[in-house]
C-alpha atoms as a PDB file:
ATOM      1  CA  MET A   1      15.054   2.838   5.833  1.00  0.00           C
ATOM      2  CA  ASN A   2      14.283   2.690   2.756  1.00  0.00           C
ATOM      3  CA  PRO A   3      13.531   6.164   1.268  1.00  0.00           C
ATOM      4  CA  ASP A   4      11.388   3.664  -1.892  1.00  0.00           C
ATOM      5  CA  SER A   5       9.185   3.095   1.123  1.00  0.00           C
ATOM      6  CA  TYR A   6       5.590   4.182   1.157  1.00  0.00           C
ATOM      7  CA  ASN A   7       3.562   3.474   5.079  1.00  0.00           C
ATOM      8  CA  PHE A   8      -0.096   3.975   5.894  1.00  0.00           C
ATOM      9  CA  THR A   9      -2.848   2.154   6.632  1.00  0.00           C
ATOM     10  CA  ALA A  10      -4.576  -0.501   5.558  1.00  0.00           C
ATOM     11  CA  GLU A  11      -7.555  -2.676   6.358  1.00  0.00           C
ATOM     12  CA  CYS A  12      -5.722  -6.147   6.288  1.00  0.00           C
ATOM     13  CA  PRO A  13      -7.460  -8.718   4.195  1.00  0.00           C
ATOM     14  CA  TYR A  14      -6.843 -11.604   6.273  1.00  0.00           C
ATOM     15  CA  CYS A  15      -7.300 -10.290  10.861  1.00  0.00           C
ATOM     16  CA  ASN A  16      -9.803  -8.025   9.363  1.00  0.00           C
ATOM     17  CA  GLN A  17      -7.678  -5.164  11.291  1.00  0.00           C
ATOM     18  CA  LYS A  18      -6.223  -1.385  10.447  1.00  0.00           C
ATOM     19  CA  ARG A  19      -2.236  -2.189   9.446  1.00  0.00           C
ATOM     20  CA  GLY A  20       0.369  -0.059   8.998  1.00  0.00           C
ATOM     21  CA  VAL A  21       1.368  -1.266   5.908  1.00  0.00           C
ATOM     22  CA  SER A  22       4.569  -0.539   3.693  1.00  0.00           C
ATOM     23  CA  CYS A  23       4.219  -0.196  -0.141  1.00  0.00           C
ATOM     24  CA  SER A  24       7.054   0.926  -2.715  1.00  0.00           C
ATOM     25  CA  ARG A  25       6.658   3.980  -4.340  1.00  0.00           C
ATOM     26  CA  ALA A  26       8.157   2.763  -7.069  1.00  0.00           C
ATOM     27  CA  GLN A  27       5.310   0.288  -7.375  1.00  0.00           C
ATOM     28  CA  VAL A  28       2.641   2.190  -6.928  1.00  0.00           C
ATOM     29  CA  LYS A  29       3.714   4.786 -10.118  1.00  0.00           C
ATOM     30  CA  THR A  30       3.246   1.315 -13.026  1.00  0.00           C
ATOM     31  CA  GLY A  31      -0.699   1.569 -12.052  1.00  0.00           C
ATOM     32  CA  GLU A  32      -0.802  -2.352 -11.634  1.00  0.00           C
ATOM     33  CA  PRO A  33      -2.515  -3.127  -8.130  1.00  0.00           C
ATOM     34  CA  VAL A  34      -0.634  -2.179  -5.272  1.00  0.00           C
ATOM     35  CA  ARG A  35       1.359  -5.103  -3.165  1.00  0.00           C
ATOM     36  CA  VAL A  36       1.577  -4.348   0.769  1.00  0.00           C
ATOM     37  CA  TYR A  37       3.055  -5.740   3.963  1.00  0.00           C
ATOM     38  CA  ALA A  38       1.827  -6.009   7.287  1.00  0.00           C
ATOM     39  CA  VAL A  39       4.285  -5.616   9.301  1.00  0.00           C
ATOM     40  CA  ALA A  40       2.518  -6.267  12.826  1.00  0.00           C
ATOM     41  CA  CYS A  41       0.137  -9.434  10.883  1.00  0.00           C
ATOM     42  CA  ASN A  42       3.155 -10.653   8.315  1.00  0.00           C
ATOM     43  CA  HIS A  43       0.836 -10.678   5.840  1.00  0.00           C
ATOM     44  CA  HIS A  44       1.485  -9.559   2.431  1.00  0.00           C
ATOM     45  CA  TRP A  45      -1.866  -8.862  -0.486  1.00  0.00           C
ATOM     46  CA  THR A  46      -2.606  -7.129  -3.651  1.00  0.00           C
ATOM     47  CA  MET A  47      -4.841  -4.358  -2.501  1.00  0.00           C
ATOM     48  CA  THR A  48      -7.955  -4.433  -5.549  1.00  0.00           C
ATOM     49  CA  PRO A  49      -7.163  -1.964  -7.963  1.00  0.00           C
ATOM     50  CA  GLU A  50     -10.059   0.406  -7.290  1.00  0.00           C
ATOM     51  CA  ASP A  51      -8.654   0.473  -4.440  1.00  0.00           C
ATOM     52  CA  SER A  52      -4.937   1.245  -5.395  1.00  0.00           C
ATOM     53  CA  LYS A  53      -6.536   4.052  -7.779  1.00  0.00           C
ATOM     54  CA  GLU A  54      -7.536   5.437  -4.802  1.00  0.00           C
ATOM     55  CA  LEU A  55      -4.235   5.602  -3.104  1.00  0.00           C
ATOM     56  CA  ARG A  56      -3.336   7.363  -6.117  1.00  0.00           C
ATOM     57  CA  ASP A  57      -4.795   9.863  -6.539  1.00  0.00           C
ATOM     58  CA  ASN A  58      -5.513  10.512  -2.935  1.00  0.00           C
ATOM     59  CA  THR A  59      -2.410  10.346  -1.258  1.00  0.00           C
ATOM     60  CA  SER A  60       0.007  13.736  -3.101  1.00  0.00           C
ATOM     61  CA  VAL A  61       4.305  12.800  -2.408  1.00  0.00           C
ATOM     62  CA  LEU A  62       3.672   9.395  -4.695  1.00  0.00           C
ATOM     63  CA  LYS A  63       1.784  11.987  -7.981  1.00  0.00           C
ATOM     64  CA  SER A  64       5.532  13.299  -8.188  1.00  0.00           C
END
């Protein structure tokens, strides 16, 4: 398992289903919109700036 990977749940905009997704912790800390990947449906997408900010603000493990 990649130690830089962060896993959480998000709604896939293609399937309209909740999916387990992953992203890079380093990417989250940049302040840019977060790009995620859902292995279950094999979709990639970029979260909205608002959702990316909410992820940063509400996830304590990403605040270091």
